Amino acid sequence: MKWYIDVIKQYAVFTGRARRTEYWMYALFYVIGLAVLGLIEGVLGLPSVLTSLYSLGLLLPSIGVGIRRLHDIDRTGWWMLLGLTCIGTIVLIIFFIQDSTPGDNQYGPNPKGA
C-alpha cells in the first residue's frame, strides 16, 4: 500500500525513475480498487460511475509512474503512446518487466541505490 500512496503523492511527476516494485505494486492496488468499486456497483445496481471517476482521478498518476518506469530502463516517456495500440500494450508490458539500467542514466540516479 505504501507504493500506491507514494505514486499518488507524486500526482503529476513525470521526471525521475521508478523501480519495478513501485510500478507493479501501484498497478496491483489500482486493479484491486477497480475490482472493489466494480463489485460495489454490481451489488447496488449502480452504473459504472464510481469506477469511471476512480480511473479518471488516477489517470495522471498512472501515466506518471509509467513514464518514470520507462525512464528507469533508459527509454523516453513517449513510448507510453504505444499503449494506444493492442500490440504496443504488449511491448510496454515487456518494457515494464525489464530490470533497471545499472547506475545513473540521463533521467537520474538509480532508485535501487548503489
PDB file of N, CA and C in Angstrom:
ATOM      1  N   MET A   1       0.820  -1.196   0.000  1.00  0.00           N
ATOM      2  CA  MET A   1       0.000   0.000   0.000  1.00  0.00           C
ATOM      3  C   MET A   1       0.863   1.258   0.000  1.00  0.00           C
ATOM      4  N   LYS A   2       2.049   1.158   0.595  1.00  0.00           N
ATOM      5  CA  LYS A   2       2.963   2.293   0.654  1.00  0.00           C
ATOM      6  C   LYS A   2       3.317   2.774  -0.756  1.00  0.00           C
ATOM      7  N   TRP A   3       3.559   1.833  -1.664  1.00  0.00           N
ATOM      8  CA  TRP A   3       3.934   2.192  -3.039  1.00  0.00           C
ATOM      9  C   TRP A   3       2.791   2.923  -3.728  1.00  0.00           C
ATOM     10  N   TYR A   4       1.585   2.486  -3.492  1.00  0.00           N
ATOM     11  CA  TYR A   4       0.395   3.092  -4.097  1.00  0.00           C
ATOM     12  C   TYR A   4       0.248   4.547  -3.641  1.00  0.00           C
ATOM     13  N   ILE A   5       0.382   4.753  -2.347  1.00  0.00           N
ATOM     14  CA  ILE A   5       0.274   6.105  -1.781  1.00  0.00           C
ATOM     15  C   ILE A   5       1.408   6.991  -2.291  1.00  0.00           C
ATOM     16  N   ASP A   6       2.624   6.445  -2.376  1.00  0.00           N
ATOM     17  CA  ASP A   6       3.762   7.229  -2.874  1.00  0.00           C
ATOM     18  C   ASP A   6       3.536   7.708  -4.300  1.00  0.00           C
ATOM     19  N   VAL A   7       2.967   6.850  -5.146  1.00  0.00           N
ATOM     20  CA  VAL A   7       2.690   7.253  -6.525  1.00  0.00           C
ATOM     21  C   VAL A   7       1.629   8.348  -6.546  1.00  0.00           C
ATOM     22  N   ILE A   8       0.604   8.224  -5.722  1.00  0.00           N
ATOM     23  CA  ILE A   8      -0.449   9.236  -5.690  1.00  0.00           C
ATOM     24  C   ILE A   8       0.099  10.563  -5.159  1.00  0.00           C
ATOM     25  N   LYS A   9       1.035  10.514  -4.219  1.00  0.00           N
ATOM     26  CA  LYS A   9       1.656  11.749  -3.716  1.00  0.00           C
ATOM     27  C   LYS A   9       2.426  12.460  -4.820  1.00  0.00           C
ATOM     28  N   GLN A  10       2.982  11.688  -5.760  1.00  0.00           N
ATOM     29  CA  GLN A  10       3.704  12.275  -6.901  1.00  0.00           C
ATOM     30  C   GLN A  10       2.732  12.397  -8.073  1.00  0.00           C
ATOM     31  N   TYR A  11       1.607  13.052  -7.827  1.00  0.00           N
ATOM     32  CA  TYR A  11       0.445  13.049  -8.722  1.00  0.00           C
ATOM     33  C   TYR A  11       0.795  13.283 -10.192  1.00  0.00           C
ATOM     34  N   ALA A  12       1.519  14.328 -10.485  1.00  0.00           N
ATOM     35  CA  ALA A  12       1.829  14.653 -11.881  1.00  0.00           C
ATOM     36  C   ALA A  12       3.332  14.815 -12.081  1.00  0.00           C
ATOM     37  N   VAL A  13       4.114  13.927 -11.484  1.00  0.00           N
ATOM     38  CA  VAL A  13       5.569  13.966 -11.636  1.00  0.00           C
ATOM     39  C   VAL A  13       5.946  13.037 -12.771  1.00  0.00           C
ATOM     40  N   PHE A  14       6.534  13.620 -13.812  1.00  0.00           N
ATOM     41  CA  PHE A  14       6.906  12.842 -14.987  1.00  0.00           C
ATOM     42  C   PHE A  14       8.419  12.763 -15.158  1.00  0.00           C
ATOM     43  N   THR A  15       9.158  13.203 -14.161  1.00  0.00           N
ATOM     44  CA  THR A  15      10.613  13.150 -14.221  1.00  0.00           C
ATOM     45  C   THR A  15      11.121  12.162 -13.188  1.00  0.00           C
ATOM     46  N   GLY A  16      12.322  11.693 -13.389  1.00  0.00           N
ATOM     47  CA  GLY A  16      12.917  10.751 -12.455  1.00  0.00           C
ATOM     48  C   GLY A  16      12.707   9.317 -12.895  1.00  0.00           C
ATOM     49  N   ARG A  17      12.928   8.405 -11.970  1.00  0.00           N
ATOM     50  CA  ARG A  17      12.875   6.981 -12.269  1.00  0.00           C
ATOM     51  C   ARG A  17      12.016   6.257 -11.243  1.00  0.00           C
ATOM     52  N   ALA A  18      11.366   5.168 -11.666  1.00  0.00           N
ATOM     53  CA  ALA A  18      10.540   4.358 -10.772  1.00  0.00           C
ATOM     54  C   ALA A  18      10.967   2.896 -10.898  1.00  0.00           C
ATOM     55  N   ARG A  19      11.184   2.262  -9.774  1.00  0.00           N
ATOM     56  CA  ARG A  19      11.566   0.849  -9.767  1.00  0.00           C
ATOM     57  C   ARG A  19      10.414  -0.030 -10.217  1.00  0.00           C
ATOM     58  N   ARG A  20      10.748  -1.273 -10.560  1.00  0.00           N
ATOM     59  CA  ARG A  20       9.712  -2.239 -10.928  1.00  0.00           C
ATOM     60  C   ARG A  20       8.709  -2.417  -9.800  1.00  0.00           C
ATOM     61  N   THR A  21       9.218  -2.514  -8.581  1.00  0.00           N
ATOM     62  CA  THR A  21       8.333  -2.715  -7.425  1.00  0.00           C
ATOM     63  C   THR A  21       7.316  -1.590  -7.318  1.00  0.00           C
ATOM     64  N   GLU A  22       7.779  -0.358  -7.465  1.00  0.00           N
ATOM     65  CA  GLU A  22       6.876   0.794  -7.365  1.00  0.00           C
ATOM     66  C   GLU A  22       5.780   0.701  -8.425  1.00  0.00           C
ATOM     67  N   TYR A  23       6.148   0.401  -9.653  1.00  0.00           N
ATOM     68  CA  TYR A  23       5.165   0.337 -10.737  1.00  0.00           C
ATOM     69  C   TYR A  23       4.168  -0.797 -10.520  1.00  0.00           C
ATOM     70  N   TRP A  24       4.673  -1.997 -10.252  1.00  0.00           N
ATOM     71  CA  TRP A  24       3.783  -3.155 -10.176  1.00  0.00           C
ATOM     72  C   TRP A  24       2.930  -3.169  -8.912  1.00  0.00           C
ATOM     73  N   MET A  25       3.439  -2.636  -7.810  1.00  0.00           N
ATOM     74  CA  MET A  25       2.595  -2.548  -6.609  1.00  0.00           C
ATOM     75  C   MET A  25       1.487  -1.508  -6.805  1.00  0.00           C
ATOM     76  N   TYR A  26       1.807  -0.414  -7.482  1.00  0.00           N
ATOM     77  CA  TYR A  26       0.769   0.566  -7.815  1.00  0.00           C
ATOM     78  C   TYR A  26      -0.284  -0.082  -8.717  1.00  0.00           C
ATOM     79  N   ALA A  27       0.163  -0.803  -9.739  1.00  0.00           N
ATOM     80  CA  ALA A  27      -0.763  -1.452 -10.663  1.00  0.00           C
ATOM     81  C   ALA A  27      -1.653  -2.458  -9.930  1.00  0.00           C
ATOM     82  N   LEU A  28      -1.074  -3.209  -9.002  1.00  0.00           N
ATOM     83  CA  LEU A  28      -1.845  -4.193  -8.240  1.00  0.00           C
ATOM     84  C   LEU A  28      -2.960  -3.524  -7.443  1.00  0.00           C
ATOM     85  N   PHE A  29      -2.625  -2.489  -6.695  1.00  0.00           N
ATOM     86  CA  PHE A  29      -3.631  -1.822  -5.875  1.00  0.00           C
ATOM     87  C   PHE A  29      -4.635  -1.043  -6.723  1.00  0.00           C
ATOM     88  N   TYR A  30      -4.213  -0.562  -7.885  1.00  0.00           N
ATOM     89  CA  TYR A  30      -5.126   0.102  -8.812  1.00  0.00           C
ATOM     90  C   TYR A  30      -6.193  -0.889  -9.288  1.00  0.00           C
ATOM     91  N   VAL A  31      -5.764  -2.081  -9.678  1.00  0.00           N
ATOM     92  CA  VAL A  31      -6.701  -3.103 -10.152  1.00  0.00           C
ATOM     93  C   VAL A  31      -7.603  -3.585  -9.011  1.00  0.00           C
ATOM     94  N   ILE A  32      -7.039  -3.737  -7.817  1.00  0.00           N
ATOM     95  CA  ILE A  32      -7.859  -4.134  -6.663  1.00  0.00           C
ATOM     96  C   ILE A  32      -8.924  -3.068  -6.398  1.00  0.00           C
ATOM     97  N   GLY A  33      -8.548  -1.801  -6.475  1.00  0.00           N
ATOM     98  CA  GLY A  33      -9.518  -0.709  -6.284  1.00  0.00           C
ATOM     99  C   GLY A  33     -10.620  -0.746  -7.330  1.00  0.00           C
ATOM    100  N   LEU A  34     -10.253  -0.993  -8.588  1.00  0.00           N
ATOM    101  CA  LEU A  34     -11.261  -1.108  -9.638  1.00  0.00           C
ATOM    102  C   LEU A  34     -12.200  -2.280  -9.389  1.00  0.00           C
ATOM    103  N   ALA A  35     -11.645  -3.407  -8.956  1.00  0.00           N
ATOM    104  CA  ALA A  35     -12.461  -4.598  -8.704  1.00  0.00           C
ATOM    105  C   ALA A  35     -13.443  -4.354  -7.558  1.00  0.00           C
ATOM    106  N   VAL A  36     -12.968  -3.742  -6.490  1.00  0.00           N
ATOM    107  CA  VAL A  36     -13.835  -3.466  -5.344  1.00  0.00           C
ATOM    108  C   VAL A  36     -14.954  -2.509  -5.736  1.00  0.00           C
ATOM    109  N   LEU A  37     -14.603  -1.443  -6.439  1.00  0.00           N
ATOM    110  CA  LEU A  37     -15.632  -0.493  -6.866  1.00  0.00           C
ATOM    111  C   LEU A  37     -16.611  -1.135  -7.848  1.00  0.00           C
ATOM    112  N   GLY A  38     -16.099  -1.969  -8.747  1.00  0.00           N
ATOM    113  CA  GLY A  38     -16.974  -2.678  -9.677  1.00  0.00           C
ATOM    114  C   GLY A  38     -17.922  -3.620  -8.966  1.00  0.00           C
ATOM    115  N   LEU A  39     -17.417  -4.276  -7.922  1.00  0.00           N
ATOM    116  CA  LEU A  39     -18.252  -5.170  -7.124  1.00  0.00           C
ATOM    117  C   LEU A  39     -19.345  -4.387  -6.396  1.00  0.00           C
ATOM    118  N   ILE A  40     -18.969  -3.266  -5.819  1.00  0.00           N
ATOM    119  CA  ILE A  40     -19.949  -2.419  -5.125  1.00  0.00           C
ATOM    120  C   ILE A  40     -21.018  -1.937  -6.099  1.00  0.00           C
ATOM    121  N   GLU A  41     -20.583  -1.497  -7.281  1.00  0.00           N
ATOM    122  CA  GLU A  41     -21.556  -1.038  -8.277  1.00  0.00           C
ATOM    123  C   GLU A  41     -22.471  -2.177  -8.731  1.00  0.00           C
ATOM    124  N   GLY A  42     -21.911  -3.362  -8.882  1.00  0.00           N
ATOM    125  CA  GLY A  42     -22.711  -4.513  -9.293  1.00  0.00           C
ATOM    126  C   GLY A  42     -23.739  -4.913  -8.255  1.00  0.00           C
ATOM    127  N   VAL A  43     -23.328  -4.934  -6.994  1.00  0.00           N
ATOM    128  CA  VAL A  43     -24.235  -5.325  -5.914  1.00  0.00           C
ATOM    129  C   VAL A  43     -25.353  -4.301  -5.738  1.00  0.00           C
ATOM    130  N   LEU A  44     -25.007  -3.031  -5.830  1.00  0.00           N
ATOM    131  CA  LEU A  44     -26.007  -1.979  -5.635  1.00  0.00           C
ATOM    132  C   LEU A  44     -26.779  -1.654  -6.909  1.00  0.00           C
ATOM    133  N   GLY A  45     -26.367  -2.232  -8.031  1.00  0.00           N
ATOM    134  CA  GLY A  45     -27.051  -1.975  -9.290  1.00  0.00           C
ATOM    135  C   GLY A  45     -26.819  -0.579  -9.827  1.00  0.00           C
ATOM    136  N   LEU A  46     -25.668   0.002  -9.523  1.00  0.00           N
ATOM    137  CA  LEU A  46     -25.345   1.348  -9.982  1.00  0.00           C
ATOM    138  C   LEU A  46     -24.676   1.294 -11.354  1.00  0.00           C
ATOM    139  N   PRO A  47     -24.797   2.380 -12.120  1.00  0.00           N
ATOM    140  CA  PRO A  47     -23.999   2.448 -13.352  1.00  0.00           C
ATOM    141  C   PRO A  47     -22.522   2.603 -12.965  1.00  0.00           C
ATOM    142  N   SER A  48     -21.647   2.433 -13.906  1.00  0.00           N
ATOM    143  CA  SER A  48     -20.211   2.429 -13.589  1.00  0.00           C
ATOM    144  C   SER A  48     -19.649   3.838 -13.385  1.00  0.00           C
ATOM    145  N   VAL A  49     -20.283   4.609 -12.540  1.00  0.00           N
ATOM    146  CA  VAL A  49     -19.838   5.975 -12.250  1.00  0.00           C
ATOM    147  C   VAL A  49     -18.620   5.954 -11.333  1.00  0.00           C
ATOM    148  N   LEU A  50     -18.643   5.131 -10.294  1.00  0.00           N
ATOM    149  CA  LEU A  50     -17.531   5.089  -9.335  1.00  0.00           C
ATOM    150  C   LEU A  50     -16.236   4.648  -9.996  1.00  0.00           C
ATOM    151  N   THR A  51     -16.302   3.590 -10.802  1.00  0.00           N
ATOM    152  CA  THR A  51     -15.080   3.114 -11.468  1.00  0.00           C
ATOM    153  C   THR A  51     -14.574   4.134 -12.479  1.00  0.00           C
ATOM    154  N   SER A  52     -15.492   4.829 -13.139  1.00  0.00           N
ATOM    155  CA  SER A  52     -15.082   5.860 -14.094  1.00  0.00           C
ATOM    156  C   SER A  52     -14.386   7.018 -13.394  1.00  0.00           C
ATOM    157  N   LEU A  53     -14.952   7.459 -12.281  1.00  0.00           N
ATOM    158  CA  LEU A  53     -14.332   8.555 -11.516  1.00  0.00           C
ATOM    159  C   LEU A  53     -12.983   8.141 -10.942  1.00  0.00           C
ATOM    160  N   TYR A  54     -12.898   6.908 -10.458  1.00  0.00           N
ATOM    161  CA  TYR A  54     -11.646   6.368  -9.914  1.00  0.00           C
ATOM    162  C   TYR A  54     -10.570   6.341 -11.001  1.00  0.00           C
ATOM    163  N   SER A  55     -10.926   5.833 -12.173  1.00  0.00           N
ATOM    164  CA  SER A  55      -9.973   5.763 -13.281  1.00  0.00           C
ATOM    165  C   SER A  55      -9.548   7.145 -13.746  1.00  0.00           C
ATOM    166  N   LEU A  56     -10.493   8.047 -13.849  1.00  0.00           N
ATOM    167  CA  LEU A  56     -10.182   9.409 -14.278  1.00  0.00           C
ATOM    168  C   LEU A  56      -9.315  10.125 -13.246  1.00  0.00           C
ATOM    169  N   GLY A  57      -9.604   9.912 -11.976  1.00  0.00           N
ATOM    170  CA  GLY A  57      -8.828  10.549 -10.911  1.00  0.00           C
ATOM    171  C   GLY A  57      -7.393  10.052 -10.844  1.00  0.00           C
ATOM    172  N   LEU A  58      -7.175   8.822 -11.233  1.00  0.00           N
ATOM    173  CA  LEU A  58      -5.820   8.251 -11.178  1.00  0.00           C
ATOM    174  C   LEU A  58      -5.150   8.182 -12.540  1.00  0.00           C
ATOM    175  N   LEU A  59      -5.684   8.893 -13.530  1.00  0.00           N
ATOM    176  CA  LEU A  59      -5.096   8.882 -14.867  1.00  0.00           C
ATOM    177  C   LEU A  59      -3.691   9.478 -14.870  1.00  0.00           C
ATOM    178  N   LEU A  60      -3.529  10.674 -14.306  1.00  0.00           N
ATOM    179  CA  LEU A  60      -2.206  11.306 -14.295  1.00  0.00           C
ATOM    180  C   LEU A  60      -1.176  10.530 -13.471  1.00  0.00           C
ATOM    181  N   PRO A  61      -1.514  10.042 -12.269  1.00  0.00           N
ATOM    182  CA  PRO A  61      -0.523   9.233 -11.556  1.00  0.00           C
ATOM    183  C   PRO A  61      -0.139   7.966 -12.322  1.00  0.00           C
ATOM    184  N   SER A  62      -1.085   7.364 -13.026  1.00  0.00           N
ATOM    185  CA  SER A  62      -0.790   6.158 -13.796  1.00  0.00           C
ATOM    186  C   SER A  62       0.162   6.461 -14.947  1.00  0.00           C
ATOM    187  N   ILE A  63      -0.085   7.547 -15.638  1.00  0.00           N
ATOM    188  CA  ILE A  63       0.812   7.946 -16.726  1.00  0.00           C
ATOM    189  C   ILE A  63       2.175   8.312 -16.164  1.00  0.00           C
ATOM    190  N   GLY A  64       2.185   9.033 -15.048  1.00  0.00           N
ATOM    191  CA  GLY A  64       3.446   9.456 -14.438  1.00  0.00           C
ATOM    192  C   GLY A  64       4.314   8.288 -14.012  1.00  0.00           C
ATOM    193  N   VAL A  65       3.737   7.299 -13.338  1.00  0.00           N
ATOM    194  CA  VAL A  65       4.538   6.156 -12.893  1.00  0.00           C
ATOM    195  C   VAL A  65       4.992   5.329 -14.095  1.00  0.00           C
ATOM    196  N   GLY A  66       4.180   5.273 -15.147  1.00  0.00           N
ATOM    197  CA  GLY A  66       4.592   4.567 -16.360  1.00  0.00           C
ATOM    198  C   GLY A  66       5.771   5.240 -17.028  1.00  0.00           C
ATOM    199  N   ILE A  67       5.732   6.557 -17.106  1.00  0.00           N
ATOM    200  CA  ILE A  67       6.844   7.304 -17.704  1.00  0.00           C
ATOM    201  C   ILE A  67       8.098   7.152 -16.860  1.00  0.00           C
ATOM    202  N   ARG A  68       7.961   7.256 -15.539  1.00  0.00           N
ATOM    203  CA  ARG A  68       9.141   7.088 -14.676  1.00  0.00           C
ATOM    204  C   ARG A  68       9.701   5.671 -14.776  1.00  0.00           C
ATOM    205  N   ARG A  69       8.831   4.681 -14.960  1.00  0.00           N
ATOM    206  CA  ARG A  69       9.289   3.293 -15.133  1.00  0.00           C
ATOM    207  C   ARG A  69      10.076   3.160 -16.433  1.00  0.00           C
ATOM    208  N   LEU A  70       9.605   3.810 -17.507  1.00  0.00           N
ATOM    209  CA  LEU A  70      10.350   3.796 -18.766  1.00  0.00           C
ATOM    210  C   LEU A  70      11.683   4.508 -18.615  1.00  0.00           C
ATOM    211  N   HIS A  71      11.709   5.593 -17.862  1.00  0.00           N
ATOM    212  CA  HIS A  71      12.978   6.288 -17.610  1.00  0.00           C
ATOM    213  C   HIS A  71      13.965   5.374 -16.896  1.00  0.00           C
ATOM    214  N   ASP A  72      13.457   4.496 -16.046  1.00  0.00           N
ATOM    215  CA  ASP A  72      14.326   3.603 -15.285  1.00  0.00           C
ATOM    216  C   ASP A  72      15.043   2.607 -16.196  1.00  0.00           C
ATOM    217  N   ILE A  73      14.445   2.276 -17.328  1.00  0.00           N
ATOM    218  CA  ILE A  73      15.124   1.376 -18.270  1.00  0.00           C
ATOM    219  C   ILE A  73      15.737   2.176 -19.415  1.00  0.00           C
ATOM    220  N   ASP A  74      15.916   3.480 -19.190  1.00  0.00           N
ATOM    221  CA  ASP A  74      16.591   4.394 -20.117  1.00  0.00           C
ATOM    222  C   ASP A  74      15.829   4.550 -21.439  1.00  0.00           C
ATOM    223  N   ARG A  75      14.527   4.676 -21.348  1.00  0.00           N
ATOM    224  CA  ARG A  75      13.687   4.945 -22.523  1.00  0.00           C
ATOM    225  C   ARG A  75      12.891   6.219 -22.260  1.00  0.00           C
ATOM    226  N   THR A  76      12.581   6.918 -23.312  1.00  0.00           N
ATOM    227  CA  THR A  76      11.818   8.144 -23.185  1.00  0.00           C
ATOM    228  C   THR A  76      10.351   7.840 -22.851  1.00  0.00           C
ATOM    229  N   GLY A  77       9.689   8.790 -22.234  1.00  0.00           N
ATOM    230  CA  GLY A  77       8.295   8.612 -21.862  1.00  0.00           C
ATOM    231  C   GLY A  77       7.348   8.552 -23.051  1.00  0.00           C
ATOM    232  N   TRP A  78       7.804   8.984 -24.211  1.00  0.00           N
ATOM    233  CA  TRP A  78       6.969   8.935 -25.407  1.00  0.00           C
ATOM    234  C   TRP A  78       6.590   7.505 -25.783  1.00  0.00           C
ATOM    235  N   TRP A  79       7.331   6.522 -25.279  1.00  0.00           N
ATOM    236  CA  TRP A  79       6.983   5.121 -25.523  1.00  0.00           C
ATOM    237  C   TRP A  79       5.608   4.788 -24.943  1.00  0.00           C
ATOM    238  N   MET A  80       5.111   5.563 -23.997  1.00  0.00           N
ATOM    239  CA  MET A  80       3.790   5.324 -23.411  1.00  0.00           C
ATOM    240  C   MET A  80       2.685   5.394 -24.463  1.00  0.00           C
ATOM    241  N   LEU A  81       2.934   6.110 -25.556  1.00  0.00           N
ATOM    242  CA  LEU A  81       1.932   6.199 -26.613  1.00  0.00           C
ATOM    243  C   LEU A  81       1.669   4.848 -27.271  1.00  0.00           C
ATOM    244  N   LEU A  82       2.591   3.902 -27.106  1.00  0.00           N
ATOM    245  CA  LEU A  82       2.362   2.560 -27.637  1.00  0.00           C
ATOM    246  C   LEU A  82       1.143   1.910 -26.998  1.00  0.00           C
ATOM    247  N   GLY A  83       0.791   2.341 -25.806  1.00  0.00           N
ATOM    248  CA  GLY A  83      -0.357   1.792 -25.109  1.00  0.00           C
ATOM    249  C   GLY A  83      -1.676   2.055 -25.813  1.00  0.00           C
ATOM    250  N   LEU A  84      -1.659   2.907 -26.820  1.00  0.00           N
ATOM    251  CA  LEU A  84      -2.876   3.192 -27.573  1.00  0.00           C
ATOM    252  C   LEU A  84      -3.186   2.089 -28.582  1.00  0.00           C
ATOM    253  N   THR A  85      -2.263   1.147 -28.760  1.00  0.00           N
ATOM    254  CA  THR A  85      -2.485   0.030 -29.675  1.00  0.00           C
ATOM    255  C   THR A  85      -2.415  -1.282 -28.891  1.00  0.00           C
ATOM    256  N   CYS A  86      -3.013  -2.321 -29.422  1.00  0.00           N
ATOM    257  CA  CYS A  86      -3.008  -3.627 -28.739  1.00  0.00           C
ATOM    258  C   CYS A  86      -1.602  -4.209 -28.667  1.00  0.00           C
ATOM    259  N   ILE A  87      -0.912  -4.225 -29.792  1.00  0.00           N
ATOM    260  CA  ILE A  87       0.443  -4.787 -29.826  1.00  0.00           C
ATOM    261  C   ILE A  87       1.380  -3.931 -28.973  1.00  0.00           C
ATOM    262  N   GLY A  88       1.168  -2.620 -29.007  1.00  0.00           N
ATOM    263  CA  GLY A  88       2.002  -1.715 -28.223  1.00  0.00           C
ATOM    264  C   GLY A  88       1.873  -1.956 -26.732  1.00  0.00           C
ATOM    265  N   THR A  89       0.701  -2.352 -26.279  1.00  0.00           N
ATOM    266  CA  THR A  89       0.496  -2.659 -24.868  1.00  0.00           C
ATOM    267  C   THR A  89       1.360  -3.844 -24.449  1.00  0.00           C
ATOM    268  N   ILE A  90       1.469  -4.828 -25.307  1.00  0.00           N
ATOM    269  CA  ILE A  90       2.328  -5.985 -25.020  1.00  0.00           C
ATOM    270  C   ILE A  90       3.780  -5.551 -24.929  1.00  0.00           C
ATOM    271  N   VAL A  91       4.205  -4.679 -25.841  1.00  0.00           N
ATOM    272  CA  VAL A  91       5.578  -4.156 -25.817  1.00  0.00           C
ATOM    273  C   VAL A  91       5.824  -3.394 -24.522  1.00  0.00           C
ATOM    274  N   LEU A  92       4.871  -2.578 -24.092  1.00  0.00           N
ATOM    275  CA  LEU A  92       5.024  -1.825 -22.842  1.00  0.00           C
ATOM    276  C   LEU A  92       5.142  -2.759 -21.644  1.00  0.00           C
ATOM    277  N   ILE A  93       4.358  -3.822 -21.621  1.00  0.00           N
ATOM    278  CA  ILE A  93       4.451  -4.773 -20.508  1.00  0.00           C
ATOM    279  C   ILE A  93       5.839  -5.395 -20.469  1.00  0.00           C
ATOM    280  N   ILE A  94       6.377  -5.716 -21.633  1.00  0.00           N
ATOM    281  CA  ILE A  94       7.746  -6.266 -21.689  1.00  0.00           C
ATOM    282  C   ILE A  94       8.743  -5.244 -21.164  1.00  0.00           C
ATOM    283  N   PHE A  95       8.567  -3.976 -21.544  1.00  0.00           N
ATOM    284  CA  PHE A  95       9.449  -2.917 -21.031  1.00  0.00           C
ATOM    285  C   PHE A  95       9.336  -2.796 -19.515  1.00  0.00           C
ATOM    286  N   PHE A  96       8.107  -2.834 -19.003  1.00  0.00           N
ATOM    287  CA  PHE A  96       7.888  -2.648 -17.573  1.00  0.00           C
ATOM    288  C   PHE A  96       8.440  -3.806 -16.747  1.00  0.00           C
ATOM    289  N   ILE A  97       8.600  -4.974 -17.355  1.00  0.00           N
ATOM    290  CA  ILE A  97       9.142  -6.138 -16.654  1.00  0.00           C
ATOM    291  C   ILE A  97      10.669  -6.074 -16.559  1.00  0.00           C
ATOM    292  N   GLN A  98      11.304  -5.366 -17.480  1.00  0.00           N
ATOM    293  CA  GLN A  98      12.766  -5.316 -17.527  1.00  0.00           C
ATOM    294  C   GLN A  98      13.356  -4.703 -16.261  1.00  0.00           C
ATOM    295  N   ASP A  99      14.585  -5.127 -15.957  1.00  0.00           N
ATOM    296  CA  ASP A  99      15.299  -4.598 -14.799  1.00  0.00           C
ATOM    297  C   ASP A  99      15.820  -3.194 -15.089  1.00  0.00           C
ATOM    298  N   SER A 100      16.110  -2.458 -14.047  1.00  0.00           N
ATOM    299  CA  SER A 100      16.628  -1.095 -14.174  1.00  0.00           C
ATOM    300  C   SER A 100      17.963  -1.082 -14.896  1.00  0.00           C
ATOM    301  N   THR A 101      18.251   0.073 -15.520  1.00  0.00           N
ATOM    302  CA  THR A 101      19.594   0.258 -16.056  1.00  0.00           C
ATOM    303  C   THR A 101      20.511   0.483 -14.870  1.00  0.00           C
ATOM    304  N   PRO A 102      21.625  -0.249 -14.812  1.00  0.00           N
ATOM    305  CA  PRO A 102      22.513  -0.078 -13.661  1.00  0.00           C
ATOM    306  C   PRO A 102      23.137   1.325 -13.630  1.00  0.00           C
ATOM    307  N   GLY A 103      23.294   1.848 -12.447  1.00  0.00           N
ATOM    308  CA  GLY A 103      23.912   3.162 -12.274  1.00  0.00           C
ATOM    309  C   GLY A 103      23.003   4.295 -12.719  1.00  0.00           C
ATOM    310  N   ASP A 104      23.614   5.452 -12.856  1.00  0.00           N
ATOM    311  CA  ASP A 104      22.868   6.639 -13.276  1.00  0.00           C
ATOM    312  C   ASP A 104      22.622   6.588 -14.780  1.00  0.00           C
ATOM    313  N   ASN A 105      21.525   7.212 -15.215  1.00  0.00           N
ATOM    314  CA  ASN A 105      21.303   7.426 -16.640  1.00  0.00           C
ATOM    315  C   ASN A 105      20.854   8.862 -16.827  1.00  0.00           C
ATOM    316  N   GLN A 106      20.428   9.209 -18.025  1.00  0.00           N
ATOM    317  CA  GLN A 106      20.081  10.607 -18.311  1.00  0.00           C
ATOM    318  C   GLN A 106      18.870  11.104 -17.527  1.00  0.00           C
ATOM    319  N   TYR A 107      18.125  10.182 -16.898  1.00  0.00           N
ATOM    320  CA  TYR A 107      16.919  10.563 -16.165  1.00  0.00           C
ATOM    321  C   TYR A 107      17.138  10.651 -14.663  1.00  0.00           C
ATOM    322  N   GLY A 108      18.349  10.333 -14.212  1.00  0.00           N
ATOM    323  CA  GLY A 108      18.645  10.464 -12.794  1.00  0.00           C
ATOM    324  C   GLY A 108      19.359   9.257 -12.231  1.00  0.00           C
ATOM    325  N   PRO A 109      19.586   9.280 -10.919  1.00  0.00           N
ATOM    326  CA  PRO A 109      20.272   8.154 -10.276  1.00  0.00           C
ATOM    327  C   PRO A 109      19.349   6.939 -10.174  1.00  0.00           C
ATOM    328  N   ASN A 110      19.955   5.789 -10.075  1.00  0.00           N
ATOM    329  CA  ASN A 110      19.211   4.544  -9.937  1.00  0.00           C
ATOM    330  C   ASN A 110      18.475   4.534  -8.610  1.00  0.00           C
ATOM    331  N   PRO A 111      17.155   4.337  -8.606  1.00  0.00           N
ATOM    332  CA  PRO A 111      16.405   4.351  -7.349  1.00  0.00           C
ATOM    333  C   PRO A 111      16.713   3.157  -6.441  1.00  0.00           C
ATOM    334  N   LYS A 112      17.385   2.137  -6.979  1.00  0.00           N
ATOM    335  CA  LYS A 112      17.761   0.991  -6.152  1.00  0.00           C
ATOM    336  C   LYS A 112      18.921   1.335  -5.226  1.00  0.00           C
ATOM    337  N   GLY A 113      19.567   2.445  -5.461  1.00  0.00           N
ATOM    338  CA  GLY A 113      20.713   2.817  -4.637  1.00  0.00           C
ATOM    339  C   GLY A 113      22.007   2.394  -5.294  1.00  0.00           C
ATOM    340  N   ALA A 114      23.000   2.125  -4.482  1.00  0.00           N
ATOM    341  CA  ALA A 114      24.331   1.827  -5.014  1.00  0.00           C
ATOM    342  C   ALA A 114      24.390   0.542  -5.720  1.00  0.00           C
TER     343      ALA A 114
END
